[in-house]
Amino acid sequence: MKKLITYQIDSFTKEKFKGNPAGVVVNADGLKDYEMQQIARELNNSETAFLFAPDNDECDGVIRYFTPSIEVPICGHATIAAMYAKALEDNLDSCVLRMKTKVGILPFEIIKQNGDYQIVMTQGAFELSPTFDNETTQKMLAALDLDYSDMDEKCPIQIASTGHSKVMIGIKSRAKLNALSPKYNDLADLSKLIHCNGYFVFTFDSDSEDILTYGRMFAPAIGINEDPVTGNANGPLGGYLVQNRIVDFKDDIFEFNGRQGEQIDRLGVIKVSVAIENDKPTLIQIKGDAVIVFRTEIEV
């Protein structure tokens, strides 16, 4: 019988029951895929992260991510949660851990301040796909409960990725954002055609100088009708805004705060940093707080 040290952590917030909840198993060595899938289903968060000892000299550990239904290659909020749990469990000082993921070995920074931690996640290489044809665009807007009149004309509809792709959809109004009532089955069907499971609808309609964007992210194809606060949406959004020159940037860096989860009462904030060379994004990082909801042990 093995005791799995298991956390539930809310990421991108310091307030319990806000932000984005993730499960974390900090001592997952020896678990089979089926067992991890069962644990993720039992915890029933959008993602659960599993931490393993390093499997070679090039990394400090291995991390895998499971939704209740499938394994996914990378996950922003579950990374924040996993590194926060590891920092607490091992009483770490400020450091950088190189963790092996399905999208490569990535450096995750742990910042210790006043007895607590913030986490900086370096994401995978940024990729931006071409815009969609008119027929696909019409299907997508209809499934999202949007009209062409809702769209922000500065923002082309494209797939952006730092390892786990999302469709970027910019609209004019925060009121419209919060009123969206998507057709989840239609979005899931469309995901099979466009080979992308997530739809990130965002707006610049903010009433705070500290918040550039508000967003909502829908991924019914992988069992997540709406994700509260999404690192793998806000990070690629930064690259998308830079590469399309939608925002101004200076000194080869662009930083902003994105807020998400307002409509479903799980509000959280992600700080995004984009390093730029020759007007193109070269490195994307997200930074976030976290808070423990519970720590327990599962016997398997």
Protein backbone atom coordinates (compact mmCIF):
# COMPACT_ATOMS: atom_id res chain seq x y z
CA MET A 1 0.00 0.00 0.00
CA LYS A 2 1.41 3.37 -1.05
CA LYS A 3 0.32 6.72 0.38
CA LEU A 4 0.10 9.39 -2.32
CA ILE A 5 0.57 12.92 -0.96
CA THR A 6 -2.19 14.84 -2.71
CA TYR A 7 -3.01 18.54 -2.77
CA GLN A 8 -5.89 20.59 -4.06
CA ILE A 9 -4.61 24.05 -4.91
CA ASP A 10 -6.28 27.13 -6.36
CA SER A 11 -3.94 28.83 -8.86
CA PHE A 12 -3.73 32.49 -9.89
CA THR A 13 -5.28 33.67 -6.63
CA LYS A 14 -4.57 33.94 -2.91
CA GLU A 15 -8.27 33.49 -2.06
CA LYS A 16 -9.55 29.96 -1.56
CA PHE A 17 -12.32 28.82 -3.91
CA LYS A 18 -11.32 31.41 -6.53
CA GLY A 19 -8.87 31.09 -9.41
CA ASN A 20 -8.42 27.70 -11.05
CA PRO A 21 -8.35 24.51 -8.95
CA ALA A 22 -5.89 21.73 -9.72
CA GLY A 23 -5.02 18.45 -8.10
CA VAL A 24 -1.37 17.61 -7.46
CA VAL A 25 0.18 14.27 -6.53
CA VAL A 26 3.74 15.07 -5.42
CA ASN A 27 5.05 11.48 -5.15
CA ALA A 28 3.65 9.78 -8.25
CA ASP A 29 6.55 7.40 -8.93
CA GLY A 30 5.29 3.93 -9.82
CA LEU A 31 1.81 5.01 -10.86
CA LYS A 32 0.48 3.56 -14.12
CA ASP A 33 -1.36 5.67 -16.68
CA TYR A 34 -4.67 4.05 -15.81
CA GLU A 35 -4.16 4.81 -12.11
CA MET A 36 -3.38 8.46 -12.82
CA GLN A 37 -6.45 8.70 -15.00
CA GLN A 38 -8.57 7.24 -12.19
CA ILE A 39 -7.15 9.68 -9.65
CA ALA A 40 -7.75 12.64 -11.99
CA ARG A 41 -11.32 11.49 -12.52
CA GLU A 42 -11.85 11.09 -8.77
CA LEU A 43 -10.46 14.54 -7.92
CA ASN A 44 -12.53 15.90 -10.84
CA ASN A 45 -10.55 19.07 -11.46
CA SER A 46 -10.00 20.26 -15.02
CA GLU A 47 -6.42 18.97 -14.61
CA THR A 48 -4.40 17.03 -12.05
CA ALA A 49 -0.60 17.15 -12.13
CA PHE A 50 1.60 14.18 -11.21
CA LEU A 51 5.21 14.73 -10.12
CA PHE A 52 7.89 12.09 -10.66
CA ALA A 53 11.59 11.81 -9.90
CA PRO A 54 13.94 12.80 -12.77
CA ASP A 55 14.43 10.15 -15.43
CA ASN A 56 17.77 11.57 -16.67
CA ASP A 57 20.48 14.07 -15.70
CA GLU A 58 19.01 16.84 -17.85
CA CYS A 59 15.94 17.50 -15.67
CA ASP A 60 15.00 17.93 -12.01
CA GLY A 61 11.82 15.91 -12.36
CA VAL A 62 9.00 14.80 -14.64
CA ILE A 63 5.47 16.23 -14.64
CA ARG A 64 2.38 14.82 -16.36
CA TYR A 65 -1.13 16.23 -16.58
CA PHE A 66 -4.47 14.46 -16.73
CA THR A 67 -7.99 15.78 -17.16
CA PRO A 68 -10.79 13.52 -15.86
CA SER A 69 -10.89 11.93 -19.33
CA ILE A 70 -7.48 12.22 -21.08
CA GLU A 71 -3.81 13.11 -20.63
CA VAL A 72 -2.83 16.58 -21.93
CA PRO A 73 0.71 17.70 -22.84
CA ILE A 74 0.95 20.79 -20.65
CA CYS A 75 -1.23 22.86 -18.35
CA GLY A 76 -0.57 26.32 -16.96
CA HIS A 77 -2.60 26.42 -13.77
CA ALA A 78 -1.70 22.83 -12.85
CA THR A 79 1.99 23.71 -13.27
CA ILE A 80 1.59 26.67 -10.91
CA ALA A 81 -0.20 24.34 -8.46
CA ALA A 82 2.36 21.55 -8.78
CA MET A 83 5.38 23.79 -8.25
CA TYR A 84 3.64 25.50 -5.33
CA ALA A 85 2.89 22.13 -3.72
CA LYS A 86 6.46 20.92 -4.28
CA ALA A 87 7.89 24.13 -2.82
CA LEU A 88 5.77 23.72 0.30
CA GLU A 89 6.35 19.98 0.63
CA ASP A 90 10.14 20.31 0.29
CA ASN A 91 10.43 23.73 2.00
CA LEU A 92 12.31 25.06 -1.02
CA ASP A 93 14.16 28.35 -1.25
CA SER A 94 13.93 30.43 -4.41
CA CYS A 95 15.15 28.28 -7.29
CA VAL A 96 14.56 27.16 -10.86
CA LEU A 97 13.47 23.58 -11.54
CA ARG A 98 13.86 22.09 -15.00
CA MET A 99 10.86 19.82 -15.41
CA LYS A 100 10.36 17.32 -18.23
CA THR A 101 6.92 17.65 -19.86
CA LYS A 102 5.34 16.26 -23.01
CA VAL A 103 6.39 19.47 -24.80
CA GLY A 104 10.01 19.30 -23.64
CA ILE A 105 12.08 20.29 -20.60
CA LEU A 106 10.90 23.65 -19.28
CA PRO A 107 12.32 25.86 -16.50
CA PHE A 108 9.83 26.71 -13.74
CA GLU A 109 10.93 29.37 -11.27
CA ILE A 110 9.95 29.25 -7.61
CA ILE A 111 10.12 32.64 -5.86
CA LYS A 112 10.08 32.57 -2.05
CA GLN A 113 8.89 35.76 -0.37
CA ASN A 114 7.74 36.29 3.22
CA GLY A 115 7.30 32.57 3.81
CA ASP A 116 5.12 32.07 0.72
CA TYR A 117 5.74 31.38 -2.96
CA GLN A 118 4.99 32.69 -6.42
CA ILE A 119 5.60 30.55 -9.50
CA VAL A 120 6.89 31.60 -12.92
CA MET A 121 6.23 29.12 -15.70
CA THR A 122 8.23 29.30 -18.92
CA GLN A 123 5.97 28.00 -21.66
CA GLY A 124 6.83 26.11 -24.82
CA ALA A 125 7.72 27.60 -28.20
CA PHE A 126 5.09 29.99 -29.56
CA GLU A 127 3.25 29.07 -32.76
CA LEU A 128 0.56 30.99 -34.62
CA SER A 129 -1.63 29.41 -37.31
CA PRO A 130 -3.23 31.12 -40.32
CA THR A 131 -6.67 32.68 -40.01
CA PHE A 132 -9.72 30.49 -40.63
CA ASP A 133 -11.81 30.42 -43.79
CA ASN A 134 -15.23 32.09 -43.75
CA GLU A 135 -17.23 28.86 -43.39
CA THR A 136 -15.25 27.69 -40.36
CA THR A 137 -15.38 31.17 -38.84
CA GLN A 138 -19.17 31.29 -39.19
CA LYS A 139 -19.55 27.89 -37.52
CA MET A 140 -17.27 28.93 -34.69
CA LEU A 141 -19.04 32.22 -34.02
CA ALA A 142 -22.43 30.54 -34.08
CA ALA A 143 -21.26 27.89 -31.63
CA LEU A 144 -19.86 30.59 -29.33
CA ASP A 145 -23.05 32.69 -29.41
CA LEU A 146 -21.27 35.49 -31.28
CA ASP A 147 -22.03 37.65 -34.33
CA TYR A 148 -19.58 39.39 -36.64
CA SER A 149 -20.71 42.69 -35.09
CA ASP A 150 -19.32 41.52 -31.73
CA MET A 151 -15.80 41.04 -33.08
CA ASP A 152 -12.84 43.33 -32.42
CA GLU A 153 -11.68 44.18 -35.93
CA LYS A 154 -8.04 44.39 -34.78
CA CYS A 155 -8.05 40.71 -33.78
CA PRO A 156 -7.90 37.93 -36.42
CA ILE A 157 -9.29 34.55 -35.35
CA GLN A 158 -6.27 32.23 -35.16
CA ILE A 159 -4.93 29.25 -33.25
CA ALA A 160 -2.07 30.22 -30.92
CA SER A 161 -0.02 27.71 -28.97
CA THR A 162 2.79 27.37 -26.46
CA GLY A 163 2.32 23.61 -26.37
CA HIS A 164 -1.45 23.24 -25.89
CA SER A 165 -3.28 25.24 -28.54
CA LYS A 166 -6.20 27.66 -28.17
CA VAL A 167 -8.25 29.62 -30.69
CA MET A 168 -7.94 33.37 -30.04
CA ILE A 169 -11.21 35.28 -30.48
CA GLY A 170 -11.18 39.00 -29.67
CA ILE A 171 -14.48 40.78 -29.04
CA LYS A 172 -15.46 44.35 -28.18
CA SER A 173 -17.55 44.04 -25.05
CA ARG A 174 -17.05 42.59 -21.57
CA ALA A 175 -20.82 42.53 -21.12
CA LYS A 176 -21.08 40.33 -24.21
CA LEU A 177 -18.21 38.18 -22.93
CA ASN A 178 -20.02 37.50 -19.67
CA ALA A 179 -23.32 36.87 -21.47
CA LEU A 180 -21.97 34.16 -23.78
CA SER A 181 -23.92 30.91 -23.84
CA PRO A 182 -21.90 28.56 -26.07
CA LYS A 183 -23.22 25.44 -27.76
CA TYR A 184 -20.74 23.00 -26.23
CA ASN A 185 -21.55 20.04 -28.48
CA ASP A 186 -21.02 22.18 -31.57
CA LEU A 187 -17.68 23.43 -30.23
CA ALA A 188 -16.58 19.86 -29.48
CA ASP A 189 -17.51 18.75 -33.01
CA LEU A 190 -15.66 21.73 -34.51
CA SER A 191 -12.56 20.88 -32.47
CA LYS A 192 -12.22 17.64 -34.44
CA LEU A 193 -12.12 19.61 -37.69
CA ILE A 194 -9.71 22.36 -36.62
CA HIS A 195 -7.52 20.11 -34.42
CA CYS A 196 -7.74 22.48 -31.47
CA ASN A 197 -9.70 21.84 -28.29
CA GLY A 198 -9.81 25.28 -26.65
CA TYR A 199 -11.57 28.53 -27.54
CA PHE A 200 -10.34 31.65 -25.72
CA VAL A 201 -12.70 34.60 -26.07
CA PHE A 202 -11.14 37.82 -24.77
CA THR A 203 -11.76 41.55 -24.68
CA PHE A 204 -9.78 44.71 -23.94
CA ASP A 205 -12.93 46.16 -22.30
CA SER A 206 -11.41 46.62 -18.84
CA ASP A 207 -12.17 49.13 -16.09
CA SER A 208 -8.75 48.76 -14.46
CA GLU A 209 -5.39 50.14 -15.59
CA ASP A 210 -3.73 47.02 -14.15
CA ILE A 211 -5.82 44.60 -16.24
CA LEU A 212 -5.39 44.57 -20.03
CA THR A 213 -7.76 41.72 -20.91
CA TYR A 214 -10.70 39.75 -19.60
CA GLY A 215 -11.26 36.27 -21.01
CA ARG A 216 -13.29 33.08 -20.97
CA MET A 217 -12.00 29.70 -22.18
CA PHE A 218 -14.16 26.82 -23.40
CA ALA A 219 -12.82 23.31 -24.11
CA PRO A 220 -15.77 20.87 -24.18
CA ALA A 221 -13.90 18.44 -26.46
CA ILE A 222 -11.70 17.46 -23.48
CA GLY A 223 -14.49 17.59 -20.92
CA ILE A 224 -13.98 21.21 -19.80
CA ASN A 225 -17.01 23.30 -20.71
CA GLU A 226 -15.40 26.37 -19.14
CA ASP A 227 -11.97 26.68 -17.53
CA PRO A 228 -11.71 29.34 -14.81
CA VAL A 229 -8.22 30.85 -15.30
CA THR A 230 -6.11 29.42 -18.11
CA GLY A 231 -2.32 29.74 -18.33
CA ASN A 232 -2.21 28.06 -21.74
CA ALA A 233 -4.62 30.65 -23.09
CA ASN A 234 -3.30 33.87 -21.57
CA GLY A 235 0.33 32.99 -22.36
CA PRO A 236 -0.31 32.35 -26.08
CA LEU A 237 -2.53 35.45 -26.09
CA GLY A 238 0.57 37.49 -25.29
CA GLY A 239 2.42 36.03 -28.27
CA TYR A 240 -0.63 36.54 -30.50
CA LEU A 241 -0.93 40.22 -29.50
CA VAL A 242 2.76 40.83 -30.18
CA GLN A 243 3.06 38.96 -33.49
CA ASN A 244 -0.07 40.64 -34.87
CA ARG A 245 1.15 44.03 -33.57
CA ILE A 246 -2.16 44.57 -31.79
CA VAL A 247 -0.34 46.08 -28.80
CA ASP A 248 2.57 48.49 -28.40
CA PHE A 249 5.73 47.21 -26.79
CA LYS A 250 9.10 48.68 -25.85
CA ASP A 251 12.54 47.38 -24.91
CA ASP A 252 11.89 43.97 -26.49
CA ILE A 253 9.39 42.95 -23.82
CA PHE A 254 5.63 43.06 -23.45
CA GLU A 255 3.93 42.43 -20.11
CA PHE A 256 0.29 42.49 -19.09
CA ASN A 257 -2.19 41.13 -16.58
CA GLY A 258 -5.09 39.02 -17.79
CA ARG A 259 -8.16 38.43 -15.65
CA GLN A 260 -10.45 35.44 -16.09
CA GLY A 261 -13.24 33.59 -14.28
CA GLU A 262 -15.51 36.55 -13.57
CA GLN A 263 -18.71 35.05 -14.90
CA ILE A 264 -18.31 31.75 -13.02
CA ASP A 265 -17.17 33.35 -9.73
CA ARG A 266 -13.62 31.93 -9.91
CA LEU A 267 -11.81 35.19 -10.56
CA GLY A 268 -8.04 35.06 -10.95
CA VAL A 269 -5.19 37.04 -12.47
CA ILE A 270 -2.25 35.90 -14.61
CA LYS A 271 0.81 38.04 -15.30
CA VAL A 272 2.14 37.37 -18.79
CA SER A 273 5.62 38.33 -20.00
CA VAL A 274 6.66 38.07 -23.66
CA ALA A 275 10.29 38.48 -24.73
CA ILE A 276 10.59 39.84 -28.27
CA GLU A 277 13.24 39.72 -30.98
CA ASN A 278 12.72 41.23 -34.45
CA ASP A 279 9.07 41.94 -33.56
CA LYS A 280 8.42 38.25 -32.88
CA PRO A 281 7.77 36.52 -29.53
CA THR A 282 10.75 34.39 -28.49
CA LEU A 283 9.92 33.48 -24.88
CA ILE A 284 6.62 33.49 -23.02
CA GLN A 285 6.27 33.24 -19.26
CA ILE A 286 3.32 33.35 -16.92
CA LYS A 287 3.45 34.22 -13.23
CA GLY A 288 0.89 33.43 -10.58
CA ASP A 289 -0.02 33.06 -6.95
CA ALA A 290 -1.55 29.95 -5.41
CA VAL A 291 -3.28 28.84 -2.22
CA ILE A 292 -3.83 25.40 -0.64
CA VAL A 293 -7.40 24.20 -0.29
CA PHE A 294 -6.40 20.86 1.25
CA ARG A 295 -3.57 18.35 1.64
CA THR A 296 -4.38 14.68 2.11
CA GLU A 297 -3.10 11.18 1.45
CA ILE A 298 -4.59 8.62 -0.93
CA GLU A 299 -3.80 4.97 -0.29
CA VAL A 300 -3.35 2.89 -3.43
